[in-house]
N, C-alpha and C. Protein backbone atom coordinates (compact mmCIF):
# COMPACT_ATOMS: atom_id res chain seq x y z
N MET A 1 15.10 -2.39 -1.47
CA MET A 1 14.36 -2.29 -0.25
C MET A 1 13.44 -3.50 -0.08
N ARG A 2 12.87 -3.98 -1.18
CA ARG A 2 11.96 -5.12 -1.10
C ARG A 2 12.64 -6.32 -0.45
N ASP A 3 13.89 -6.59 -0.84
CA ASP A 3 14.62 -7.72 -0.26
C ASP A 3 14.77 -7.57 1.25
N ASP A 4 15.03 -6.36 1.70
CA ASP A 4 15.16 -6.11 3.14
C ASP A 4 13.84 -6.34 3.86
N LEU A 5 12.74 -5.91 3.25
CA LEU A 5 11.43 -6.12 3.86
C LEU A 5 11.09 -7.60 3.96
N VAL A 6 11.33 -8.34 2.88
CA VAL A 6 11.06 -9.78 2.88
C VAL A 6 11.94 -10.48 3.91
N ALA A 7 13.20 -10.08 4.00
CA ALA A 7 14.11 -10.68 4.99
C ALA A 7 13.64 -10.42 6.42
N ALA A 8 12.93 -9.31 6.61
CA ALA A 8 12.41 -8.97 7.94
C ALA A 8 11.06 -9.64 8.22
N GLY A 9 10.58 -10.43 7.26
CA GLY A 9 9.34 -11.15 7.48
C GLY A 9 8.09 -10.46 6.96
N ILE A 10 8.28 -9.39 6.19
CA ILE A 10 7.14 -8.65 5.64
C ILE A 10 6.67 -9.34 4.36
N LYS A 11 5.37 -9.47 4.20
CA LYS A 11 4.80 -10.03 2.97
C LYS A 11 4.62 -8.88 1.98
N CYS A 12 5.38 -8.87 0.90
CA CYS A 12 5.29 -7.82 -0.11
C CYS A 12 4.35 -8.25 -1.22
N MET A 13 3.51 -7.32 -1.65
CA MET A 13 2.56 -7.58 -2.72
C MET A 13 2.79 -6.58 -3.84
N ASP A 14 2.81 -7.05 -5.07
CA ASP A 14 3.01 -6.18 -6.23
C ASP A 14 1.66 -5.66 -6.70
N GLU A 15 1.06 -4.81 -5.89
CA GLU A 15 -0.25 -4.20 -6.16
C GLU A 15 -0.11 -2.69 -6.02
N PRO A 16 -0.90 -1.92 -6.77
CA PRO A 16 -0.82 -0.46 -6.65
C PRO A 16 -1.12 0.03 -5.24
N VAL A 17 -2.13 -0.57 -4.60
CA VAL A 17 -2.52 -0.16 -3.25
C VAL A 17 -2.82 -1.42 -2.44
N VAL A 18 -2.32 -1.44 -1.21
CA VAL A 18 -2.59 -2.56 -0.31
C VAL A 18 -3.16 -1.99 0.99
N VAL A 19 -4.29 -2.56 1.42
CA VAL A 19 -4.91 -2.18 2.69
C VAL A 19 -4.78 -3.37 3.63
N ASP A 20 -4.15 -3.14 4.78
CA ASP A 20 -3.97 -4.18 5.79
C ASP A 20 -4.40 -3.60 7.13
N LYS A 21 -5.62 -3.93 7.53
CA LYS A 21 -6.23 -3.37 8.75
C LYS A 21 -6.25 -1.85 8.64
N ASN A 22 -5.46 -1.15 9.45
CA ASN A 22 -5.46 0.31 9.39
C ASN A 22 -4.22 0.88 8.69
N ILE A 23 -3.52 0.04 7.94
CA ILE A 23 -2.35 0.48 7.17
C ILE A 23 -2.72 0.50 5.69
N LEU A 24 -2.45 1.61 5.03
CA LEU A 24 -2.71 1.79 3.61
C LEU A 24 -1.40 2.17 2.95
N SER A 25 -0.96 1.37 1.98
CA SER A 25 0.34 1.66 1.36
C SER A 25 0.26 1.50 -0.15
N CYS A 26 1.25 2.07 -0.84
CA CYS A 26 1.36 1.93 -2.29
C CYS A 26 2.82 1.69 -2.64
N ARG A 27 3.05 1.27 -3.89
CA ARG A 27 4.40 0.89 -4.33
C ARG A 27 5.30 2.09 -4.59
N CYS A 28 4.75 3.13 -5.21
CA CYS A 28 5.59 4.25 -5.66
C CYS A 28 4.71 5.49 -5.89
N THR A 29 5.33 6.59 -6.22
CA THR A 29 4.59 7.83 -6.41
C THR A 29 3.59 7.75 -7.56
N GLU A 30 3.86 6.92 -8.55
CA GLU A 30 2.92 6.76 -9.67
C GLU A 30 1.59 6.16 -9.21
N ASP A 31 1.59 5.47 -8.08
CA ASP A 31 0.38 4.85 -7.54
C ASP A 31 -0.41 5.78 -6.62
N LEU A 32 0.07 6.99 -6.39
CA LEU A 32 -0.59 7.89 -5.45
C LEU A 32 -2.03 8.25 -5.83
N PRO A 33 -2.37 8.44 -7.12
CA PRO A 33 -3.79 8.71 -7.42
C PRO A 33 -4.71 7.57 -6.96
N GLU A 34 -4.32 6.34 -7.21
CA GLU A 34 -5.11 5.19 -6.75
C GLU A 34 -5.11 5.11 -5.23
N TRP A 35 -3.97 5.42 -4.61
CA TRP A 35 -3.88 5.43 -3.15
C TRP A 35 -4.86 6.46 -2.57
N GLY A 36 -4.89 7.65 -3.17
CA GLY A 36 -5.80 8.70 -2.70
C GLY A 36 -7.25 8.29 -2.82
N LYS A 37 -7.62 7.66 -3.93
CA LYS A 37 -8.98 7.17 -4.12
C LYS A 37 -9.33 6.14 -3.05
N THR A 38 -8.43 5.21 -2.81
CA THR A 38 -8.66 4.17 -1.80
C THR A 38 -8.73 4.79 -0.42
N PHE A 39 -7.89 5.76 -0.14
CA PHE A 39 -7.91 6.45 1.15
C PHE A 39 -9.28 7.06 1.42
N MET A 40 -9.83 7.74 0.41
CA MET A 40 -11.14 8.36 0.57
C MET A 40 -12.22 7.31 0.79
N GLU A 41 -12.12 6.18 0.11
CA GLU A 41 -13.09 5.09 0.31
C GLU A 41 -12.99 4.54 1.73
N VAL A 42 -11.78 4.34 2.20
CA VAL A 42 -11.57 3.81 3.55
C VAL A 42 -12.10 4.79 4.60
N MET A 43 -11.92 6.07 4.35
CA MET A 43 -12.37 7.08 5.31
C MET A 43 -13.88 7.32 5.23
N GLY A 44 -14.53 6.73 4.23
CA GLY A 44 -15.98 6.82 4.14
C GLY A 44 -16.51 7.98 3.35
N ASN A 45 -15.69 8.56 2.48
CA ASN A 45 -16.14 9.69 1.65
C ASN A 45 -16.42 9.25 0.25
């Protein structure tokens, strides 16, 4: 999937969580705890 994203012009980062304006993403299910923590920080809790 990464190759398809790069071919479409997406900048892929090998980080557990990436915040880009109002988009919050993670690499895989193993990163969900860190994603949840970051989500709460972004939401102001």
